[in-house]
Amino acid sequence: MPDCRTHIAFFMSSLRGAGAQRVTLTICNALALQNVKVDLVLGKAEGELLHEVCNDINVINLNADRVSKSIFSLIRYLKRNRPQALITILPHVSVTALLACRIARLKIPIIVSEHNT
């Protein structure tokens, strides 16, 4: 039986840092508790916040040293999983996601989220 839940992917470089990463993780955890299928796509699955990810969230490790090097892994993920929306955090991550969708000619909506003081 196919999974009929809303499927949203969040794309970040890692879970290092405090501000934008913590806010995003809080949103991911809250959505997962509301029965939304959440994929947390990380350039590299590392950082002090990694242990705070809810068990219902699917963590995707693109295993890239730099976000720009994760573009083709991101394309493969998006083609395989087809989330209903991709939410990006921070400028360099947003640019990578926009390029990936453009190169792959995918029509996945991208929500660009910018955080600052």
C-alpha atoms as a PDB file:
ATOM      1  CA  MET A   1       0.000   0.000   0.000  1.00  0.00           C
ATOM      2  CA  PRO A   2       1.534   3.349  -1.046  1.00  0.00           C
ATOM      3  CA  ASP A   3       2.323   5.975   1.543  1.00  0.00           C
ATOM      4  CA  CYS A   4      -0.300   8.738   1.090  1.00  0.00           C
ATOM      5  CA  ARG A   5       1.153  11.163   3.630  1.00  0.00           C
ATOM      6  CA  THR A   6       2.450  14.579   2.656  1.00  0.00           C
ATOM      7  CA  HIS A   7       6.157  14.202   1.834  1.00  0.00           C
ATOM      8  CA  ILE A   8       8.483  17.147   2.490  1.00  0.00           C
ATOM      9  CA  ALA A   9      12.263  17.221   2.237  1.00  0.00           C
ATOM     10  CA  PHE A  10      14.516  19.675   4.058  1.00  0.00           C
ATOM     11  CA  PHE A  11      18.022  20.227   2.651  1.00  0.00           C
ATOM     12  CA  MET A  12      20.912  21.493   4.792  1.00  0.00           C
ATOM     13  CA  SER A  13      24.680  21.120   4.715  1.00  0.00           C
ATOM     14  CA  SER A  14      24.789  19.453   8.164  1.00  0.00           C
ATOM     15  CA  LEU A  15      23.406  19.786  11.669  1.00  0.00           C
ATOM     16  CA  ARG A  16      26.361  21.842  12.848  1.00  0.00           C
ATOM     17  CA  GLY A  17      25.526  25.274  14.123  1.00  0.00           C
ATOM     18  CA  ALA A  18      22.761  26.559  16.268  1.00  0.00           C
ATOM     19  CA  GLY A  19      20.428  29.099  14.669  1.00  0.00           C
ATOM     20  CA  ALA A  20      18.993  28.060  11.310  1.00  0.00           C
ATOM     21  CA  GLN A  21      19.803  24.396  11.883  1.00  0.00           C
ATOM     22  CA  ARG A  22      18.020  24.299  15.237  1.00  0.00           C
ATOM     23  CA  VAL A  23      14.950  26.103  13.857  1.00  0.00           C
ATOM     24  CA  THR A  24      14.783  23.699  10.921  1.00  0.00           C
ATOM     25  CA  LEU A  25      15.171  20.667  13.151  1.00  0.00           C
ATOM     26  CA  THR A  26      12.369  21.930  15.395  1.00  0.00           C
ATOM     27  CA  ILE A  27      10.101  22.274  12.347  1.00  0.00           C
ATOM     28  CA  CYS A  28      11.084  18.823  11.039  1.00  0.00           C
ATOM     29  CA  ASN A  29      10.386  17.158  14.380  1.00  0.00           C
ATOM     30  CA  ALA A  30       7.022  18.931  14.725  1.00  0.00           C
ATOM     31  CA  LEU A  31       5.949  17.915  11.209  1.00  0.00           C
ATOM     32  CA  ALA A  32       6.969  14.304  11.825  1.00  0.00           C
ATOM     33  CA  LEU A  33       4.789  14.286  14.947  1.00  0.00           C
ATOM     34  CA  GLN A  34       1.887  15.474  12.753  1.00  0.00           C
ATOM     35  CA  ASN A  35       2.298  12.368  10.537  1.00  0.00           C
ATOM     36  CA  VAL A  36       4.060  14.210   7.689  1.00  0.00           C
ATOM     37  CA  LYS A  37       6.726  12.157   5.920  1.00  0.00           C
ATOM     38  CA  VAL A  38       9.907  14.184   6.485  1.00  0.00           C
ATOM     39  CA  ASP A  39      13.250  13.583   4.806  1.00  0.00           C
ATOM     40  CA  LEU A  40      16.185  15.491   6.250  1.00  0.00           C
ATOM     41  CA  VAL A  41      18.703  15.616   3.412  1.00  0.00           C
ATOM     42  CA  LEU A  42      22.155  16.535   4.677  1.00  0.00           C
ATOM     43  CA  GLY A  43      25.280  17.260   2.678  1.00  0.00           C
ATOM     44  CA  LYS A  44      27.035  15.410   5.478  1.00  0.00           C
ATOM     45  CA  ALA A  45      25.208  13.778   8.392  1.00  0.00           C
ATOM     46  CA  GLU A  46      27.175  15.325  11.214  1.00  0.00           C
ATOM     47  CA  GLY A  47      26.831  17.921  13.916  1.00  0.00           C
ATOM     48  CA  GLU A  48      25.861  18.342  17.524  1.00  0.00           C
ATOM     49  CA  LEU A  49      22.125  18.424  16.706  1.00  0.00           C
ATOM     50  CA  LEU A  50      22.078  15.033  14.960  1.00  0.00           C
ATOM     51  CA  HIS A  51      21.060  13.226  18.154  1.00  0.00           C
ATOM     52  CA  GLU A  52      17.932  15.433  18.401  1.00  0.00           C
ATOM     53  CA  VAL A  53      16.385  14.166  15.149  1.00  0.00           C
ATOM     54  CA  CYS A  54      13.048  12.427  15.749  1.00  0.00           C
ATOM     55  CA  ASN A  55      13.044   8.679  14.957  1.00  0.00           C
ATOM     56  CA  ASP A  56      10.246   9.192  12.407  1.00  0.00           C
ATOM     57  CA  ILE A  57      12.475  11.387  10.213  1.00  0.00           C
ATOM     58  CA  ASN A  58      14.387   9.774   7.373  1.00  0.00           C
ATOM     59  CA  VAL A  59      17.948  11.190   7.434  1.00  0.00           C
ATOM     60  CA  ILE A  60      19.583  11.151   4.000  1.00  0.00           C
ATOM     61  CA  ASN A  61      23.370  11.486   4.090  1.00  0.00           C
ATOM     62  CA  LEU A  62      24.761  12.737   0.764  1.00  0.00           C
ATOM     63  CA  ASN A  63      28.232  12.304   2.267  1.00  0.00           C
ATOM     64  CA  ALA A  64      29.777  15.359   0.614  1.00  0.00           C
ATOM     65  CA  ASP A  65      32.583  17.441   2.097  1.00  0.00           C
ATOM     66  CA  ARG A  66      31.035  20.574   0.606  1.00  0.00           C
ATOM     67  CA  VAL A  67      27.415  21.260  -0.323  1.00  0.00           C
ATOM     68  CA  SER A  68      28.413  22.174  -3.884  1.00  0.00           C
ATOM     69  CA  LYS A  69      29.843  18.655  -4.281  1.00  0.00           C
ATOM     70  CA  SER A  70      26.494  17.112  -3.332  1.00  0.00           C
ATOM     71  CA  ILE A  71      24.596  18.329  -6.407  1.00  0.00           C
ATOM     72  CA  PHE A  72      24.521  14.999  -8.284  1.00  0.00           C
ATOM     73  CA  SER A  73      23.716  13.031  -5.133  1.00  0.00           C
ATOM     74  CA  LEU A  74      20.876  15.476  -4.499  1.00  0.00           C
ATOM     75  CA  ILE A  75      19.596  14.969  -8.052  1.00  0.00           C
ATOM     76  CA  ARG A  76      19.584  11.179  -7.529  1.00  0.00           C
ATOM     77  CA  TYR A  77      17.728  11.580  -4.228  1.00  0.00           C
ATOM     78  CA  LEU A  78      15.103  13.887  -5.768  1.00  0.00           C
ATOM     79  CA  LYS A  79      14.515  11.629  -8.784  1.00  0.00           C
ATOM     80  CA  ARG A  80      14.105   8.538  -6.582  1.00  0.00           C
ATOM     81  CA  ASN A  81      12.024  10.030  -3.793  1.00  0.00           C
ATOM     82  CA  ARG A  82      10.031  12.840  -5.448  1.00  0.00           C
ATOM     83  CA  PRO A  83       9.131  14.885  -2.360  1.00  0.00           C
ATOM     84  CA  GLN A  84       6.177  17.212  -2.779  1.00  0.00           C
ATOM     85  CA  ALA A  85       8.389  20.149  -1.766  1.00  0.00           C
ATOM     86  CA  LEU A  86      12.041  20.811  -0.998  1.00  0.00           C
ATOM     87  CA  ILE A  87      12.818  23.372   1.695  1.00  0.00           C
ATOM     88  CA  THR A  88      16.346  24.746   1.742  1.00  0.00           C
ATOM     89  CA  ILE A  89      18.211  26.479   4.519  1.00  0.00           C
ATOM     90  CA  LEU A  90      20.996  29.052   3.998  1.00  0.00           C
ATOM     91  CA  PRO A  91      22.082  30.666   0.690  1.00  0.00           C
ATOM     92  CA  HIS A  92      24.736  28.221  -0.556  1.00  0.00           C
ATOM     93  CA  VAL A  93      22.415  25.270   0.063  1.00  0.00           C
ATOM     94  CA  SER A  94      19.560  27.033  -1.737  1.00  0.00           C
ATOM     95  CA  VAL A  95      21.722  27.712  -4.799  1.00  0.00           C
ATOM     96  CA  THR A  96      22.788  24.052  -4.917  1.00  0.00           C
ATOM     97  CA  ALA A  97      19.173  22.855  -4.711  1.00  0.00           C
ATOM     98  CA  LEU A  98      18.001  25.290  -7.395  1.00  0.00           C
ATOM     99  CA  LEU A  99      20.802  24.165  -9.718  1.00  0.00           C
ATOM    100  CA  ALA A 100      20.081  20.492  -9.055  1.00  0.00           C
ATOM    101  CA  CYS A 101      16.407  20.887  -9.985  1.00  0.00           C
ATOM    102  CA  ARG A 102      17.312  22.930 -13.053  1.00  0.00           C
ATOM    103  CA  ILE A 103      19.917  20.435 -14.300  1.00  0.00           C
ATOM    104  CA  ALA A 104      17.592  17.474 -13.686  1.00  0.00           C
ATOM    105  CA  ARG A 105      14.565  19.339 -15.113  1.00  0.00           C
ATOM    106  CA  LEU A 106      12.533  18.484 -12.045  1.00  0.00           C
ATOM    107  CA  LYS A 107       9.346  20.371 -11.232  1.00  0.00           C
ATOM    108  CA  ILE A 108       9.637  20.000  -7.461  1.00  0.00           C
ATOM    109  CA  PRO A 109       8.660  23.212  -5.654  1.00  0.00           C
ATOM    110  CA  ILE A 110      11.588  24.686  -3.751  1.00  0.00           C
ATOM    111  CA  ILE A 111      10.988  26.855  -0.722  1.00  0.00           C
ATOM    112  CA  VAL A 112      14.046  28.967   0.009  1.00  0.00           C
ATOM    113  CA  SER A 113      14.415  29.880   3.668  1.00  0.00           C
ATOM    114  CA  GLU A 114      16.913  32.561   4.647  1.00  0.00           C
ATOM    115  CA  HIS A 115      17.867  33.123   8.276  1.00  0.00           C
ATOM    116  CA  ASN A 116      19.759  36.028   9.816  1.00  0.00           C
ATOM    117  CA  THR A 117      19.762  38.238  12.856  1.00  0.00           C
END
